[in-house]
Structure formats: C-alpha cells, structure tokens
Amino acid sequence: MTMQTTGDIPMIVRSENSGSERRITPSWTIGQLKAKLVPVTGIPSLDQKLTLWINNQQSIDIQAQDEENTQLTNFPLAPQAVIHVTDTRAPGLRENYTDVSAVEKYTLPVESYEKRTDSVLAWKRNEKLGRFNPDAPTLLDAKLAVYDNEIRAKGIAVGKRCRVGEDDSRRGEVMYVGDVEEIPGGAGKWIGIKLDEPWGKMTAVWVGRGIGVTRARGNSESSSGRKG
C-alpha cells in the first residue's frame, strides 16, 4: 500500500485505534482496498464499513453489491479526504489495542537492574544522591531530632487535649505519638488525634511529623497546622 503509481491519491485513513496518511489507487476495487486496510486498522475485511468524508462535511458510504469488482473510481476520492473505517463487530469481539493491562510485560529482576550502568540508579550512585549520599543519614537524624525536640517543647503527649485545623476549630485528644511505618516516606513522629466531634467521615486525624505542631497553646492544649 506504500507503492505510489500514477494517479495515486493521498488520503487519510482513520479508525478507532489508528490514523495515518495513505496513498489510494482509484483503480483498486473496494475488496482490494479493504484487504489493504486490514494490517493498517486491524479490522478484518468482512467487518469493515468504509465511509468517505470530504471536507469533514459530506459523507459517502464506500460500498457495493459486488465489492470485488467495483472500483474506487465510482467514488469522489480527493486529496486529504478521509476514509473512516468502522469495526462492525460486537464490542466484545473486537481487539483492544489501547488496553495494555492484559499485555504480558517483562520485569527486570532487581539484581540485574542494580548491575546496569545506564540506569537512573547508577546515575544516583555516581552522583552520590539520595541513599547514596554518605551524609544523608546524618541529615535525616538531625531533622528528626528537631521534630522530637519541637514535640517535647510544646508538651504534646498521649492524653493531652488539643486543637486542630487551620482555624483551631476542632478539638480532640492526643491518642498516639510515634512512628508510623505504614506511611511511605513517613520517617519521624506522627500524632494521632481522636476528635471530639466527627469531621466528615473521620473521627480521627493524623498530624504530619514535627513540622505540623507549630502553634502550641501550652501544655493543656496544642494545635497542629497540617494533617497527614
């Protein structure tokens, strides 16, 4: 279908899953055109419905009783006109070329990935970034120490009353102060608060690490600026 002969017409072929410019030979029969469109659209010849669109306004069905002997010269083919190919099969019988969830994928073993020299991991290792930074544990420990000191300085402890929210309008009781390993990237202490009154569907909130406890109200009541 890529071979060009005298009189070939550049046209746009579109289907649900594809679209491209193709050169159409007017001397082809409808049957020949459909056969050539199978590898382009993935739709079997017998299940194709061809519609010719001129200037995106006038539509003409490309069909005939004897499609094997009816040439395309019987239709007003024009440069850049669109031939739309519709799949007439029931939706459950059509091939789905856009859903990749069912496609078998290759997963590179972790050991093999770690040995590669052209990966992001290798680049981070060479640049000493992230966990490859020898100073990273020290920096993290220093940050966590600041959080711990802030919590102690504000008197936040289990059983203490507190206020939470942007306007300190919600009150509750501190039920937990400590690490939450289930939270990704949640290194540092988190504060679990049981609210006096339900808030939406929640009756409790988690307050983000030490950075959240910035507006203390003394030992009896404290508030937290950010909820986790």
C-alpha atoms as a PDB file:
ATOM      1  CA  MET A   1       0.000   0.000   0.000  1.00  0.00           C
ATOM      2  CA  THR A   2       3.019   2.258   0.188  1.00  0.00           C
ATOM      3  CA  MET A   3       3.841   1.878  -3.520  1.00  0.00           C
ATOM      4  CA  GLN A   4       2.922   5.003  -5.473  1.00  0.00           C
ATOM      5  CA  THR A   5       1.642   4.833  -9.044  1.00  0.00           C
ATOM      6  CA  THR A   6       0.394   7.491 -11.416  1.00  0.00           C
ATOM      7  CA  GLY A   7      -2.930   8.715 -10.167  1.00  0.00           C
ATOM      8  CA  ASP A   8      -2.445   7.689  -6.545  1.00  0.00           C
ATOM      9  CA  ILE A   9      -4.364   9.975  -4.199  1.00  0.00           C
ATOM     10  CA  PRO A  10      -3.022  10.913  -0.735  1.00  0.00           C
ATOM     11  CA  MET A  11      -5.857  10.328   1.729  1.00  0.00           C
ATOM     12  CA  ILE A  12      -6.299   9.998   5.481  1.00  0.00           C
ATOM     13  CA  VAL A  13      -7.343   6.590   6.788  1.00  0.00           C
ATOM     14  CA  ARG A  14      -8.854   6.636  10.269  1.00  0.00           C
ATOM     15  CA  SER A  15     -10.242   4.025  12.605  1.00  0.00           C
ATOM     16  CA  GLU A  16     -10.911   3.834  16.322  1.00  0.00           C
ATOM     17  CA  ASN A  17      -7.299   2.944  17.078  1.00  0.00           C
ATOM     18  CA  SER A  18      -5.313   4.403  14.183  1.00  0.00           C
ATOM     19  CA  GLY A  19      -4.932   7.294  11.802  1.00  0.00           C
ATOM     20  CA  SER A  20      -2.407   7.894   9.030  1.00  0.00           C
ATOM     21  CA  GLU A  21      -1.981   9.185   5.508  1.00  0.00           C
ATOM     22  CA  ARG A  22      -2.139   6.546   2.791  1.00  0.00           C
ATOM     23  CA  ARG A  23      -1.919   6.672  -0.985  1.00  0.00           C
ATOM     24  CA  ILE A  24      -5.023   5.195  -2.552  1.00  0.00           C
ATOM     25  CA  THR A  25      -5.118   3.923  -6.135  1.00  0.00           C
ATOM     26  CA  PRO A  26      -8.516   4.639  -7.751  1.00  0.00           C
ATOM     27  CA  SER A  27      -8.280   1.510  -9.907  1.00  0.00           C
ATOM     28  CA  TRP A  28      -8.454  -0.694  -6.820  1.00  0.00           C
ATOM     29  CA  THR A  29     -11.711  -2.435  -6.105  1.00  0.00           C
ATOM     30  CA  ILE A  30     -13.466  -1.968  -2.776  1.00  0.00           C
ATOM     31  CA  GLY A  31     -12.441  -5.504  -1.874  1.00  0.00           C
ATOM     32  CA  GLN A  32      -8.781  -4.749  -2.629  1.00  0.00           C
ATOM     33  CA  LEU A  33      -8.903  -1.580  -0.514  1.00  0.00           C
ATOM     34  CA  LYS A  34     -10.404  -3.413   2.440  1.00  0.00           C
ATOM     35  CA  ALA A  35      -7.760  -6.136   2.196  1.00  0.00           C
ATOM     36  CA  LYS A  36      -5.012  -3.495   2.241  1.00  0.00           C
ATOM     37  CA  LEU A  37      -6.605  -1.813   5.266  1.00  0.00           C
ATOM     38  CA  VAL A  38      -6.538  -4.960   7.412  1.00  0.00           C
ATOM     39  CA  PRO A  39      -2.900  -4.518   8.573  1.00  0.00           C
ATOM     40  CA  VAL A  40      -3.448  -0.772   8.918  1.00  0.00           C
ATOM     41  CA  THR A  41      -6.547  -0.918  11.132  1.00  0.00           C
ATOM     42  CA  GLY A  42      -6.545  -4.469  12.479  1.00  0.00           C
ATOM     43  CA  ILE A  43     -10.132  -4.916  11.301  1.00  0.00           C
ATOM     44  CA  PRO A  44     -10.981  -7.946   9.125  1.00  0.00           C
ATOM     45  CA  SER A  45     -12.247  -7.094   5.632  1.00  0.00           C
ATOM     46  CA  LEU A  46     -15.701  -8.548   6.217  1.00  0.00           C
ATOM     47  CA  ASP A  47     -16.126  -6.419   9.342  1.00  0.00           C
ATOM     48  CA  GLN A  48     -15.127  -3.099   7.783  1.00  0.00           C
ATOM     49  CA  LYS A  49     -17.575  -0.328   6.993  1.00  0.00           C
ATOM     50  CA  LEU A  50     -15.923   2.377   4.869  1.00  0.00           C
ATOM     51  CA  THR A  51     -17.140   5.958   4.897  1.00  0.00           C
ATOM     52  CA  LEU A  52     -15.671   8.699   2.710  1.00  0.00           C
ATOM     53  CA  TRP A  53     -15.595  12.154   4.271  1.00  0.00           C
ATOM     54  CA  ILE A  54     -14.948  15.178   2.047  1.00  0.00           C
ATOM     55  CA  ASN A  55     -14.042  18.394   3.860  1.00  0.00           C
ATOM     56  CA  ASN A  56     -15.382  16.743   7.030  1.00  0.00           C
ATOM     57  CA  GLN A  57     -18.887  17.579   5.838  1.00  0.00           C
ATOM     58  CA  GLN A  58     -20.152  15.278   3.107  1.00  0.00           C
ATOM     59  CA  SER A  59     -20.105  11.567   3.929  1.00  0.00           C
ATOM     60  CA  ILE A  60     -20.469   8.789   1.387  1.00  0.00           C
ATOM     61  CA  ASP A  61     -20.528   5.065   2.158  1.00  0.00           C
ATOM     62  CA  ILE A  62     -17.994   3.147   0.101  1.00  0.00           C
ATOM     63  CA  GLN A  63     -19.976   0.012  -0.598  1.00  0.00           C
ATOM     64  CA  ALA A  64     -21.500  -2.004  -3.416  1.00  0.00           C
ATOM     65  CA  GLN A  65     -23.264  -5.279  -4.043  1.00  0.00           C
ATOM     66  CA  ASP A  66     -20.205  -6.672  -5.809  1.00  0.00           C
ATOM     67  CA  GLU A  67     -17.285  -5.128  -3.939  1.00  0.00           C
ATOM     68  CA  GLU A  68     -14.733  -7.403  -5.597  1.00  0.00           C
ATOM     69  CA  ASN A  69     -15.484  -5.865  -8.984  1.00  0.00           C
ATOM     70  CA  THR A  70     -16.482  -2.298  -8.064  1.00  0.00           C
ATOM     71  CA  GLN A  71     -13.597   0.110  -8.495  1.00  0.00           C
ATOM     72  CA  LEU A  72     -12.942   3.161  -6.319  1.00  0.00           C
ATOM     73  CA  THR A  73     -13.287   5.328  -9.428  1.00  0.00           C
ATOM     74  CA  ASN A  74     -17.011   5.160  -8.728  1.00  0.00           C
ATOM     75  CA  PHE A  75     -16.484   7.365  -5.665  1.00  0.00           C
ATOM     76  CA  PRO A  76     -15.306  11.013  -5.480  1.00  0.00           C
ATOM     77  CA  LEU A  77     -11.890  10.368  -3.960  1.00  0.00           C
ATOM     78  CA  ALA A  78      -9.990  13.595  -3.258  1.00  0.00           C
ATOM     79  CA  PRO A  79      -6.584  14.508  -1.779  1.00  0.00           C
ATOM     80  CA  GLN A  80      -6.663  14.658   2.046  1.00  0.00           C
ATOM     81  CA  ALA A  81     -10.223  13.377   2.154  1.00  0.00           C
ATOM     82  CA  VAL A  82     -10.849  10.912   4.971  1.00  0.00           C
ATOM     83  CA  ILE A  83     -11.731   7.248   4.706  1.00  0.00           C
ATOM     84  CA  HIS A  84     -13.143   6.228   8.060  1.00  0.00           C
ATOM     85  CA  VAL A  85     -13.061   2.505   8.831  1.00  0.00           C
ATOM     86  CA  THR A  86     -15.692   1.344  11.312  1.00  0.00           C
ATOM     87  CA  ASP A  87     -15.464  -2.039  13.015  1.00  0.00           C
ATOM     88  CA  THR A  88     -18.901  -3.643  12.743  1.00  0.00           C
ATOM     89  CA  ARG A  89     -18.125  -6.471  15.148  1.00  0.00           C
ATOM     90  CA  ALA A  90     -19.749  -6.536  18.574  1.00  0.00           C
ATOM     91  CA  PRO A  91     -17.579  -4.706  21.146  1.00  0.00           C
ATOM     92  CA  GLY A  92     -16.728  -7.948  22.919  1.00  0.00           C
ATOM     93  CA  LEU A  93     -15.304  -9.452  19.731  1.00  0.00           C
ATOM     94  CA  ARG A  94     -13.041  -6.537  18.812  1.00  0.00           C
ATOM     95  CA  GLU A  95      -9.347  -6.459  19.502  1.00  0.00           C
ATOM     96  CA  ASN A  96      -8.471  -3.809  22.096  1.00  0.00           C
ATOM     97  CA  TYR A  97      -5.197  -2.224  21.043  1.00  0.00           C
ATOM     98  CA  THR A  98      -5.248   0.545  23.671  1.00  0.00           C
ATOM     99  CA  ASP A  99      -5.667  -1.511  26.865  1.00  0.00           C
ATOM    100  CA  VAL A 100      -2.175  -2.646  27.852  1.00  0.00           C
ATOM    101  CA  SER A 101      -3.248  -4.179  31.175  1.00  0.00           C
ATOM    102  CA  ALA A 102      -3.614  -7.606  29.601  1.00  0.00           C
ATOM    103  CA  VAL A 103      -0.300  -7.433  27.750  1.00  0.00           C
ATOM    104  CA  GLU A 104       2.397  -9.652  29.183  1.00  0.00           C
ATOM    105  CA  LYS A 105       5.257  -7.463  30.344  1.00  0.00           C
ATOM    106  CA  TYR A 106       8.887  -8.196  31.070  1.00  0.00           C
ATOM    107  CA  THR A 107      10.042  -7.291  34.559  1.00  0.00           C
ATOM    108  CA  LEU A 108      13.747  -6.776  35.017  1.00  0.00           C
ATOM    109  CA  PRO A 109      14.995  -8.525  38.168  1.00  0.00           C
ATOM    110  CA  VAL A 110      16.207  -6.136  40.853  1.00  0.00           C
ATOM    111  CA  GLU A 111      19.641  -7.750  40.864  1.00  0.00           C
ATOM    112  CA  SER A 112      20.028  -7.196  37.117  1.00  0.00           C
ATOM    113  CA  TYR A 113      18.831  -3.601  37.353  1.00  0.00           C
ATOM    114  CA  GLU A 114      21.292  -2.806  40.117  1.00  0.00           C
ATOM    115  CA  LYS A 115      24.156  -4.088  37.939  1.00  0.00           C
ATOM    116  CA  ARG A 116      23.296  -1.848  34.972  1.00  0.00           C
ATOM    117  CA  THR A 117      25.497   1.173  34.366  1.00  0.00           C
ATOM    118  CA  ASP A 118      22.990   3.113  32.225  1.00  0.00           C
ATOM    119  CA  SER A 119      20.144   3.384  34.739  1.00  0.00           C
ATOM    120  CA  VAL A 120      18.852   6.157  36.971  1.00  0.00           C
ATOM    121  CA  LEU A 121      20.046   4.108  39.927  1.00  0.00           C
ATOM    122  CA  ALA A 122      23.578   4.038  38.523  1.00  0.00           C
ATOM    123  CA  TRP A 123      23.464   7.794  37.928  1.00  0.00           C
ATOM    124  CA  LYS A 124      22.322   8.457  41.510  1.00  0.00           C
ATOM    125  CA  ARG A 125      25.046   6.158  42.780  1.00  0.00           C
ATOM    126  CA  ASN A 126      27.704   8.003  40.774  1.00  0.00           C
ATOM    127  CA  GLU A 127      26.394  11.416  41.845  1.00  0.00           C
ATOM    128  CA  LYS A 128      26.027  10.269  45.468  1.00  0.00           C
ATOM    129  CA  LEU A 129      22.369  11.265  45.585  1.00  0.00           C
ATOM    130  CA  GLY A 130      19.590  10.025  47.854  1.00  0.00           C
ATOM    131  CA  ARG A 131      20.558   6.948  49.828  1.00  0.00           C
ATOM    132  CA  PHE A 132      23.994   7.001  48.205  1.00  0.00           C
ATOM    133  CA  ASN A 133      24.791  10.319  49.866  1.00  0.00           C
ATOM    134  CA  PRO A 134      27.128   9.460  52.764  1.00  0.00           C
ATOM    135  CA  ASP A 135      25.803  12.462  54.675  1.00  0.00           C
ATOM    136  CA  ALA A 136      22.136  11.535  54.156  1.00  0.00           C
ATOM    137  CA  PRO A 137      21.689   9.544  57.425  1.00  0.00           C
ATOM    138  CA  THR A 138      23.266  12.381  59.387  1.00  0.00           C
ATOM    139  CA  LEU A 139      20.981  14.970  57.797  1.00  0.00           C
ATOM    140  CA  LEU A 140      17.890  12.830  58.411  1.00  0.00           C
ATOM    141  CA  ASP A 141      18.834  12.190  62.023  1.00  0.00           C
ATOM    142  CA  ALA A 142      19.320  15.919  62.569  1.00  0.00           C
ATOM    143  CA  LYS A 143      15.911  16.699  61.057  1.00  0.00           C
ATOM    144  CA  LEU A 144      14.176  14.029  63.163  1.00  0.00           C
ATOM    145  CA  ALA A 145      15.881  15.381  66.279  1.00  0.00           C
ATOM    146  CA  VAL A 146      14.411  18.810  65.544  1.00  0.00           C
ATOM    147  CA  TYR A 147      10.948  17.246  65.239  1.00  0.00           C
ATOM    148  CA  ASP A 148      11.332  15.389  68.546  1.00  0.00           C
ATOM    149  CA  ASN A 149      12.538  18.500  70.368  1.00  0.00           C
ATOM    150  CA  GLU A 150       9.636  20.504  68.968  1.00  0.00           C
ATOM    151  CA  ILE A 151       7.093  17.949  70.169  1.00  0.00           C
ATOM    152  CA  ARG A 152       8.640  17.876  73.652  1.00  0.00           C
ATOM    153  CA  ALA A 153       8.860  21.669  73.827  1.00  0.00           C
ATOM    154  CA  LYS A 154       5.156  22.005  73.031  1.00  0.00           C
ATOM    155  CA  GLY A 155       4.172  19.425  75.610  1.00  0.00           C
ATOM    156  CA  ILE A 156       2.430  17.140  73.162  1.00  0.00           C
ATOM    157  CA  ALA A 157       1.794  13.740  74.731  1.00  0.00           C
ATOM    158  CA  VAL A 158      -0.792  10.982  74.778  1.00  0.00           C
ATOM    159  CA  GLY A 159      -3.859  12.027  76.772  1.00  0.00           C
ATOM    160  CA  LYS A 160      -3.365  15.770  76.249  1.00  0.00           C
ATOM    161  CA  ARG A 161      -6.171  17.904  74.880  1.00  0.00           C
ATOM    162  CA  CYS A 162      -5.532  19.702  71.589  1.00  0.00           C
ATOM    163  CA  ARG A 163      -6.993  21.858  68.848  1.00  0.00           C
ATOM    164  CA  VAL A 164      -6.503  21.117  65.140  1.00  0.00           C
ATOM    165  CA  GLY A 165      -7.385  22.680  61.807  1.00  0.00           C
ATOM    166  CA  GLU A 166      -6.496  25.879  60.031  1.00  0.00           C
ATOM    167  CA  ASP A 167      -8.638  27.885  62.467  1.00  0.00           C
ATOM    168  CA  ASP A 168      -8.140  25.667  65.533  1.00  0.00           C
ATOM    169  CA  SER A 169     -11.891  24.966  65.453  1.00  0.00           C
ATOM    170  CA  ARG A 170     -11.722  21.218  66.025  1.00  0.00           C
ATOM    171  CA  ARG A 171     -10.828  19.794  69.401  1.00  0.00           C
ATOM    172  CA  GLY A 172      -9.743  16.381  70.451  1.00  0.00           C
ATOM    173  CA  GLU A 173      -7.405  14.218  72.450  1.00  0.00           C
ATOM    174  CA  VAL A 174      -3.909  13.045  71.549  1.00  0.00           C
ATOM    175  CA  MET A 175      -4.080   9.259  71.274  1.00  0.00           C
ATOM    176  CA  TYR A 176      -0.709   8.454  69.740  1.00  0.00           C
ATOM    177  CA  VAL A 177       2.723   9.995  69.354  1.00  0.00           C
ATOM    178  CA  GLY A 178       5.304   7.947  67.496  1.00  0.00           C
ATOM    179  CA  ASP A 179       6.451   6.404  64.247  1.00  0.00           C
ATOM    180  CA  VAL A 180       4.017   5.072  61.621  1.00  0.00           C
ATOM    181  CA  GLU A 181       5.953   2.654  59.432  1.00  0.00           C
ATOM    182  CA  GLU A 182       2.976   2.074  57.117  1.00  0.00           C
ATOM    183  CA  ILE A 183       3.115   5.648  55.801  1.00  0.00           C
ATOM    184  CA  PRO A 184       5.529   5.894  52.810  1.00  0.00           C
ATOM    185  CA  GLY A 185       8.238   8.443  53.485  1.00  0.00           C
ATOM    186  CA  GLY A 186       6.798   8.948  56.944  1.00  0.00           C
ATOM    187  CA  ALA A 187      10.038   8.991  58.891  1.00  0.00           C
ATOM    188  CA  GLY A 188       9.646  10.922  62.134  1.00  0.00           C
ATOM    189  CA  LYS A 189       6.969  11.095  64.768  1.00  0.00           C
ATOM    190  CA  TRP A 190       3.298  11.350  63.831  1.00  0.00           C
ATOM    191  CA  ILE A 191       0.497  12.430  66.126  1.00  0.00           C
ATOM    192  CA  GLY A 192      -2.832  10.609  66.183  1.00  0.00           C
ATOM    193  CA  ILE A 193      -5.748  12.690  67.435  1.00  0.00           C
ATOM    194  CA  LYS A 194      -9.263  11.498  68.313  1.00  0.00           C
ATOM    195  CA  LEU A 195     -11.699  14.310  67.536  1.00  0.00           C
ATOM    196  CA  ASP A 196     -14.496  15.214  69.926  1.00  0.00           C
ATOM    197  CA  GLU A 197     -16.930  15.534  67.026  1.00  0.00           C
ATOM    198  CA  PRO A 198     -16.808  13.630  63.704  1.00  0.00           C
ATOM    199  CA  TRP A 199     -15.286  15.574  60.826  1.00  0.00           C
ATOM    200  CA  GLY A 200     -16.888  14.407  57.592  1.00  0.00           C
ATOM    201  CA  LYS A 201     -16.402  10.633  57.601  1.00  0.00           C
ATOM    202  CA  MET A 202     -13.481  10.839  60.012  1.00  0.00           C
ATOM    203  CA  THR A 203     -13.432  10.692  63.771  1.00  0.00           C
ATOM    204  CA  ALA A 204      -9.648  10.981  63.992  1.00  0.00           C
ATOM    205  CA  VAL A 205      -6.763  12.599  62.148  1.00  0.00           C
ATOM    206  CA  TRP A 206      -3.050  12.075  61.733  1.00  0.00           C
ATOM    207  CA  VAL A 207      -0.905  15.128  62.109  1.00  0.00           C
ATOM    208  CA  GLY A 208       2.228  15.299  59.963  1.00  0.00           C
ATOM    209  CA  ARG A 209       5.551  14.899  61.749  1.00  0.00           C
ATOM    210  CA  GLY A 210       7.030  17.658  63.920  1.00  0.00           C
ATOM    211  CA  ILE A 211       6.553  20.262  61.177  1.00  0.00           C
ATOM    212  CA  GLY A 212       2.845  20.155  61.889  1.00  0.00           C
ATOM    213  CA  VAL A 213       2.973  21.223  65.518  1.00  0.00           C
ATOM    214  CA  THR A 214       3.792  24.881  65.085  1.00  0.00           C
ATOM    215  CA  ARG A 215       1.110  26.734  67.076  1.00  0.00           C
ATOM    216  CA  ALA A 216       1.239  25.449  70.660  1.00  0.00           C
ATOM    217  CA  ARG A 217      -1.238  26.654  73.283  1.00  0.00           C
ATOM    218  CA  GLY A 218       0.651  25.423  76.315  1.00  0.00           C
ATOM    219  CA  ASN A 219       0.744  22.028  77.988  1.00  0.00           C
ATOM    220  CA  SER A 220      -3.021  21.623  78.231  1.00  0.00           C
ATOM    221  CA  GLU A 221      -3.920  22.374  74.635  1.00  0.00           C
ATOM    222  CA  SER A 222      -1.908  22.370  71.425  1.00  0.00           C
ATOM    223  CA  SER A 223      -2.837  22.692  67.775  1.00  0.00           C
ATOM    224  CA  SER A 224      -1.356  21.270  64.623  1.00  0.00           C
ATOM    225  CA  GLY A 225      -1.036  23.039  61.328  1.00  0.00           C
ATOM    226  CA  ARG A 226      -1.033  20.168  58.825  1.00  0.00           C
ATOM    227  CA  LYS A 227      -2.923  16.923  58.784  1.00  0.00           C
ATOM    228  CA  GLY A 228      -1.398  13.828  57.280  1.00  0.00           C
END
